[in-house]
N, C-alpha and C. Protein backbone atom coordinates (compact mmCIF):
# COMPACT_ATOMS: atom_id res chain seq x y z
N MET A 1 3.32 20.17 -21.47
CA MET A 1 2.26 19.18 -21.53
C MET A 1 0.96 19.90 -21.89
N SER A 2 0.21 19.30 -22.75
CA SER A 2 -1.04 19.93 -23.18
C SER A 2 -2.09 19.84 -22.08
N LEU A 3 -3.06 20.73 -22.16
CA LEU A 3 -4.15 20.74 -21.19
C LEU A 3 -4.90 19.42 -21.21
N ALA A 4 -5.09 18.84 -22.38
CA ALA A 4 -5.80 17.56 -22.49
C ALA A 4 -5.06 16.47 -21.74
N LEU A 5 -3.73 16.43 -21.86
CA LEU A 5 -2.95 15.42 -21.13
C LEU A 5 -3.01 15.64 -19.63
N VAL A 6 -2.95 16.88 -19.20
CA VAL A 6 -3.05 17.18 -17.77
C VAL A 6 -4.41 16.76 -17.24
N MET A 7 -5.46 17.05 -17.98
CA MET A 7 -6.80 16.67 -17.55
C MET A 7 -6.97 15.16 -17.54
N ALA A 8 -6.42 14.47 -18.53
CA ALA A 8 -6.50 13.01 -18.56
C ALA A 8 -5.77 12.42 -17.38
N ALA A 9 -4.60 12.96 -17.05
CA ALA A 9 -3.84 12.46 -15.90
C ALA A 9 -4.61 12.69 -14.61
N ALA A 10 -5.24 13.85 -14.49
CA ALA A 10 -6.02 14.14 -13.29
C ALA A 10 -7.20 13.20 -13.16
N GLU A 11 -7.84 12.88 -14.28
CA GLU A 11 -8.98 11.98 -14.25
C GLU A 11 -8.55 10.55 -13.91
N ALA A 12 -7.34 10.16 -14.30
CA ALA A 12 -6.87 8.80 -14.08
C ALA A 12 -6.39 8.59 -12.65
N ALA A 13 -6.10 9.66 -11.93
CA ALA A 13 -5.60 9.54 -10.57
C ALA A 13 -6.69 8.99 -9.66
N PRO A 14 -6.29 8.23 -8.65
CA PRO A 14 -7.29 7.75 -7.69
C PRO A 14 -7.96 8.93 -6.98
N PRO A 15 -9.17 8.75 -6.52
CA PRO A 15 -9.85 9.82 -5.79
C PRO A 15 -9.06 10.19 -4.52
N PRO A 16 -9.26 11.40 -4.02
CA PRO A 16 -8.51 11.83 -2.83
C PRO A 16 -8.65 10.88 -1.64
N GLU A 17 -9.84 10.32 -1.44
CA GLU A 17 -10.04 9.40 -0.31
C GLU A 17 -9.16 8.17 -0.45
N ALA A 18 -9.06 7.64 -1.66
CA ALA A 18 -8.21 6.45 -1.89
C ALA A 18 -6.74 6.80 -1.70
N ARG A 19 -6.33 7.95 -2.21
CA ARG A 19 -4.92 8.36 -2.02
C ARG A 19 -4.60 8.50 -0.55
N ALA A 20 -5.52 9.07 0.22
CA ALA A 20 -5.30 9.25 1.65
C ALA A 20 -5.23 7.90 2.36
N GLU A 21 -6.11 6.97 1.99
CA GLU A 21 -6.09 5.65 2.61
C GLU A 21 -4.78 4.91 2.30
N ILE A 22 -4.34 4.98 1.06
CA ILE A 22 -3.11 4.30 0.67
C ILE A 22 -1.92 4.89 1.40
N ALA A 23 -1.86 6.20 1.48
CA ALA A 23 -0.77 6.84 2.23
C ALA A 23 -0.81 6.42 3.69
N ALA A 24 -2.01 6.35 4.27
CA ALA A 24 -2.15 5.94 5.67
C ALA A 24 -1.72 4.49 5.87
N LEU A 25 -2.02 3.63 4.91
CA LEU A 25 -1.60 2.23 5.01
C LEU A 25 -0.08 2.11 4.98
N ILE A 26 0.55 2.83 4.09
CA ILE A 26 2.01 2.79 4.01
C ILE A 26 2.61 3.32 5.30
N GLU A 27 2.05 4.41 5.81
CA GLU A 27 2.55 4.99 7.07
C GLU A 27 2.27 4.07 8.26
N ALA A 28 1.14 3.35 8.23
CA ALA A 28 0.82 2.44 9.33
C ALA A 28 1.90 1.38 9.47
N LEU A 29 2.36 0.85 8.36
CA LEU A 29 3.44 -0.14 8.43
C LEU A 29 4.74 0.52 8.85
N ALA A 30 5.07 1.66 8.25
CA ALA A 30 6.33 2.33 8.55
C ALA A 30 6.44 2.69 10.03
N GLY A 31 5.35 3.10 10.63
CA GLY A 31 5.37 3.53 12.02
C GLY A 31 4.99 2.48 13.03
N SER A 32 4.77 1.26 12.59
CA SER A 32 4.26 0.22 13.47
C SER A 32 5.32 -0.47 14.32
N GLY A 33 6.57 -0.37 13.92
CA GLY A 33 7.60 -1.14 14.60
C GLY A 33 7.65 -2.58 14.11
N CYS A 34 6.80 -2.90 13.16
CA CYS A 34 6.78 -4.25 12.58
C CYS A 34 7.87 -4.39 11.53
N ARG A 35 8.20 -5.63 11.24
CA ARG A 35 9.13 -5.91 10.16
C ARG A 35 8.35 -6.40 8.96
N PHE A 36 8.92 -6.21 7.77
CA PHE A 36 8.27 -6.53 6.52
C PHE A 36 9.19 -7.47 5.73
N GLN A 37 8.65 -8.60 5.31
CA GLN A 37 9.46 -9.57 4.57
C GLN A 37 9.05 -9.58 3.10
N ARG A 38 10.07 -9.50 2.25
CA ARG A 38 9.82 -9.68 0.83
C ARG A 38 10.94 -10.53 0.27
N ASN A 39 10.55 -11.54 -0.48
CA ASN A 39 11.48 -12.47 -1.11
C ASN A 39 12.49 -13.05 -0.13
N GLY A 40 12.01 -13.37 1.08
CA GLY A 40 12.83 -14.05 2.07
C GLY A 40 13.69 -13.17 2.96
N SER A 41 13.72 -11.86 2.72
CA SER A 41 14.52 -10.95 3.55
C SER A 41 13.61 -10.02 4.34
N TRP A 42 14.01 -9.74 5.58
CA TRP A 42 13.24 -8.86 6.45
C TRP A 42 13.76 -7.44 6.37
N TYR A 43 12.83 -6.48 6.42
CA TYR A 43 13.16 -5.07 6.33
C TYR A 43 12.43 -4.31 7.44
N ASP A 44 13.03 -3.19 7.86
CA ASP A 44 12.35 -2.34 8.84
C ASP A 44 11.27 -1.53 8.14
N GLY A 45 10.52 -0.78 8.93
CA GLY A 45 9.41 -0.02 8.39
C GLY A 45 9.80 1.03 7.37
N GLU A 46 10.95 1.65 7.56
CA GLU A 46 11.37 2.69 6.62
C GLU A 46 11.69 2.09 5.25
N ARG A 47 12.39 0.97 5.23
CA ARG A 47 12.69 0.31 3.94
C ARG A 47 11.40 -0.22 3.31
N ALA A 48 10.49 -0.71 4.12
CA ALA A 48 9.20 -1.18 3.60
C ALA A 48 8.44 -0.01 2.98
N ARG A 49 8.45 1.15 3.65
CA ARG A 49 7.77 2.34 3.13
C ARG A 49 8.33 2.70 1.75
N THR A 50 9.64 2.73 1.63
CA THR A 50 10.28 3.09 0.37
C THR A 50 9.88 2.12 -0.73
N HIS A 51 9.91 0.84 -0.43
CA HIS A 51 9.56 -0.18 -1.42
C HIS A 51 8.10 -0.05 -1.85
N LEU A 52 7.19 0.04 -0.89
CA LEU A 52 5.77 0.11 -1.21
C LEU A 52 5.42 1.41 -1.93
N GLN A 53 6.08 2.49 -1.56
CA GLN A 53 5.83 3.76 -2.24
C GLN A 53 6.25 3.67 -3.71
N ARG A 54 7.39 3.02 -3.96
CA ARG A 54 7.84 2.86 -5.36
C ARG A 54 6.85 2.01 -6.15
N LYS A 55 6.38 0.93 -5.53
CA LYS A 55 5.40 0.08 -6.24
C LYS A 55 4.11 0.85 -6.51
N TYR A 56 3.68 1.63 -5.53
CA TYR A 56 2.47 2.44 -5.70
C TYR A 56 2.64 3.44 -6.83
N GLU A 57 3.76 4.12 -6.87
CA GLU A 57 4.02 5.10 -7.93
C GLU A 57 4.05 4.43 -9.31
N TYR A 58 4.60 3.24 -9.38
CA TYR A 58 4.60 2.49 -10.65
C TYR A 58 3.15 2.20 -11.08
N LEU A 59 2.34 1.72 -10.14
CA LEU A 59 0.94 1.43 -10.47
C LEU A 59 0.19 2.69 -10.90
N LEU A 60 0.49 3.80 -10.26
CA LEU A 60 -0.14 5.07 -10.66
C LEU A 60 0.23 5.42 -12.09
N ARG A 61 1.52 5.29 -12.43
CA ARG A 61 1.95 5.62 -13.80
C ARG A 61 1.27 4.73 -14.82
N LYS A 62 0.98 3.51 -14.47
CA LYS A 62 0.33 2.56 -15.38
C LYS A 62 -1.19 2.62 -15.28
N ASP A 63 -1.72 3.50 -14.43
CA ASP A 63 -3.16 3.62 -14.20
C ASP A 63 -3.75 2.27 -13.76
N LEU A 64 -3.09 1.62 -12.79
CA LEU A 64 -3.52 0.30 -12.34
C LEU A 64 -4.03 0.28 -10.90
N VAL A 65 -4.21 1.47 -10.31
CA VAL A 65 -4.70 1.49 -8.93
C VAL A 65 -5.63 2.68 -8.74
N ASP A 66 -6.85 2.37 -8.29
CA ASP A 66 -7.85 3.41 -8.02
C ASP A 66 -8.37 3.36 -6.59
N THR A 67 -8.11 2.25 -5.89
CA THR A 67 -8.64 2.07 -4.54
C THR A 67 -7.57 1.51 -3.62
N ALA A 68 -7.83 1.62 -2.32
CA ALA A 68 -6.91 1.03 -1.34
C ALA A 68 -6.88 -0.49 -1.49
N GLU A 69 -8.02 -1.07 -1.82
CA GLU A 69 -8.06 -2.53 -2.02
C GLU A 69 -7.16 -2.95 -3.18
N GLN A 70 -7.19 -2.19 -4.26
CA GLN A 70 -6.31 -2.50 -5.39
C GLN A 70 -4.84 -2.34 -5.00
N PHE A 71 -4.53 -1.31 -4.21
CA PHE A 71 -3.16 -1.14 -3.74
C PHE A 71 -2.72 -2.37 -2.95
N ILE A 72 -3.56 -2.83 -2.04
CA ILE A 72 -3.21 -4.00 -1.23
C ILE A 72 -3.00 -5.21 -2.13
N GLU A 73 -3.92 -5.43 -3.05
CA GLU A 73 -3.85 -6.60 -3.93
C GLU A 73 -2.66 -6.53 -4.88
N ARG A 74 -2.42 -5.37 -5.45
CA ARG A 74 -1.43 -5.26 -6.54
C ARG A 74 -0.04 -4.82 -6.10
N ALA A 75 0.07 -4.24 -4.89
CA ALA A 75 1.38 -3.74 -4.47
C ALA A 75 1.83 -4.28 -3.12
N ALA A 76 0.91 -4.45 -2.18
CA ALA A 76 1.31 -4.70 -0.79
C ALA A 76 1.18 -6.15 -0.34
N SER A 77 0.75 -7.05 -1.22
CA SER A 77 0.52 -8.43 -0.80
C SER A 77 1.59 -9.41 -1.24
N ALA A 78 2.22 -9.16 -2.39
CA ALA A 78 3.17 -10.14 -2.93
C ALA A 78 4.17 -9.46 -3.85
N SER A 79 5.27 -10.13 -4.03
CA SER A 79 6.31 -9.66 -4.94
C SER A 79 5.84 -9.76 -6.38
N SER A 80 6.03 -8.69 -7.12
CA SER A 80 5.69 -8.71 -8.54
C SER A 80 6.66 -9.58 -9.33
N LEU A 81 7.87 -9.73 -8.81
CA LEU A 81 8.89 -10.51 -9.52
C LEU A 81 8.77 -12.00 -9.23
N SER A 82 8.71 -12.36 -7.95
CA SER A 82 8.72 -13.78 -7.59
C SER A 82 7.33 -14.36 -7.38
N GLY A 83 6.36 -13.50 -7.10
CA GLY A 83 5.02 -13.96 -6.77
C GLY A 83 4.87 -14.40 -5.33
N ARG A 84 5.96 -14.38 -4.57
CA ARG A 84 5.92 -14.79 -3.16
C ARG A 84 5.17 -13.76 -2.33
N ALA A 85 4.35 -14.27 -1.42
CA ALA A 85 3.59 -13.38 -0.54
C ALA A 85 4.53 -12.61 0.37
N TYR A 86 4.24 -11.33 0.56
CA TYR A 86 4.94 -10.54 1.57
C TYR A 86 4.42 -10.98 2.93
N ARG A 87 5.25 -10.75 3.97
CA ARG A 87 4.86 -11.09 5.33
C ARG A 87 5.15 -9.90 6.23
N VAL A 88 4.38 -9.81 7.31
CA VAL A 88 4.58 -8.77 8.32
C VAL A 88 4.74 -9.48 9.66
N SER A 89 5.73 -9.05 10.44
CA SER A 89 5.97 -9.61 11.77
C SER A 89 5.89 -8.48 12.79
N CYS A 90 4.93 -8.60 13.70
CA CYS A 90 4.72 -7.60 14.75
C CYS A 90 4.74 -8.30 16.10
N GLN A 91 5.65 -7.89 16.96
CA GLN A 91 5.73 -8.44 18.31
C GLN A 91 5.74 -9.97 18.30
N GLY A 92 6.51 -10.54 17.38
CA GLY A 92 6.65 -11.99 17.30
C GLY A 92 5.53 -12.71 16.58
N ARG A 93 4.51 -11.98 16.17
CA ARG A 93 3.39 -12.59 15.43
C ARG A 93 3.56 -12.30 13.95
N GLU A 94 3.73 -13.36 13.17
CA GLU A 94 3.98 -13.21 11.74
C GLU A 94 2.73 -13.62 10.96
N GLN A 95 2.46 -12.86 9.90
CA GLN A 95 1.32 -13.19 9.03
C GLN A 95 1.58 -12.64 7.64
N GLU A 96 0.76 -13.08 6.69
CA GLU A 96 0.87 -12.54 5.34
C GLU A 96 0.49 -11.06 5.36
N ALA A 97 1.12 -10.30 4.49
CA ALA A 97 0.92 -8.85 4.47
C ALA A 97 -0.48 -8.46 4.00
N GLY A 98 -1.05 -9.18 3.05
CA GLY A 98 -2.38 -8.83 2.55
C GLY A 98 -3.41 -8.71 3.66
N PRO A 99 -3.58 -9.76 4.48
CA PRO A 99 -4.54 -9.65 5.59
C PRO A 99 -4.17 -8.55 6.59
N TRP A 100 -2.87 -8.35 6.83
CA TRP A 100 -2.44 -7.30 7.75
C TRP A 100 -2.91 -5.94 7.24
N PHE A 101 -2.68 -5.66 5.94
CA PHE A 101 -3.11 -4.38 5.37
C PHE A 101 -4.62 -4.26 5.32
N ARG A 102 -5.33 -5.34 5.01
CA ARG A 102 -6.80 -5.27 4.98
C ARG A 102 -7.35 -4.94 6.37
N ALA A 103 -6.75 -5.50 7.43
CA ALA A 103 -7.18 -5.20 8.80
C ALA A 103 -6.92 -3.73 9.13
N ARG A 104 -5.77 -3.20 8.72
CA ARG A 104 -5.47 -1.78 8.95
C ARG A 104 -6.48 -0.90 8.21
N LEU A 105 -6.82 -1.29 6.98
CA LEU A 105 -7.79 -0.51 6.20
C LEU A 105 -9.14 -0.49 6.90
N GLN A 106 -9.58 -1.62 7.42
CA GLN A 106 -10.85 -1.66 8.16
C GLN A 106 -10.79 -0.73 9.37
N GLN A 107 -9.66 -0.74 10.08
CA GLN A 107 -9.51 0.15 11.23
C GLN A 107 -9.56 1.62 10.82
N LEU A 108 -8.86 1.96 9.73
CA LEU A 108 -8.89 3.34 9.25
C LEU A 108 -10.30 3.78 8.92
N ARG A 109 -11.04 2.92 8.24
CA ARG A 109 -12.40 3.28 7.83
C ARG A 109 -13.34 3.35 9.02
N ALA A 110 -13.13 2.47 9.99
CA ALA A 110 -13.97 2.52 11.19
C ALA A 110 -13.74 3.81 11.96
N ARG A 111 -12.47 4.25 12.06
CA ARG A 111 -12.16 5.51 12.73
C ARG A 111 -12.76 6.69 11.97
N ALA A 112 -12.70 6.63 10.65
CA ALA A 112 -13.22 7.73 9.83
C ALA A 112 -14.74 7.81 9.94
N ALA A 113 -15.40 6.67 10.13
CA ALA A 113 -16.86 6.65 10.21
C ALA A 113 -17.37 6.97 11.62
N ALA A 114 -16.51 6.88 12.60
CA ALA A 114 -16.92 7.12 13.99
C ALA A 114 -17.26 8.60 14.17
N PRO A 115 -18.27 8.87 15.01
CA PRO A 115 -18.68 10.27 15.23
C PRO A 115 -17.61 11.06 15.98
């Protein structure tokens, strides 16, 4: 690969803070004990992690994600195939995945900003 291509790829990558936030969001779901629904089927956190990581990697290859908000909107909220909203169920409380991930992102940022 030429140096120009390597540099272009490096410039297209999300900033380190965004990559860290996205990784933390994926891990938050995987380690939460919550279930994740896509296209009508429920999955455990590990299967959800694998699915979301694949979607994230696809978006990276297409240069379609630069922020955690874009990750939530473009990968973690709805099925790219069916358009159906993903859902998260934690301790019997079910909700759409988009708001669940946005709440986790707010928590991550609040912790990072705390002294």
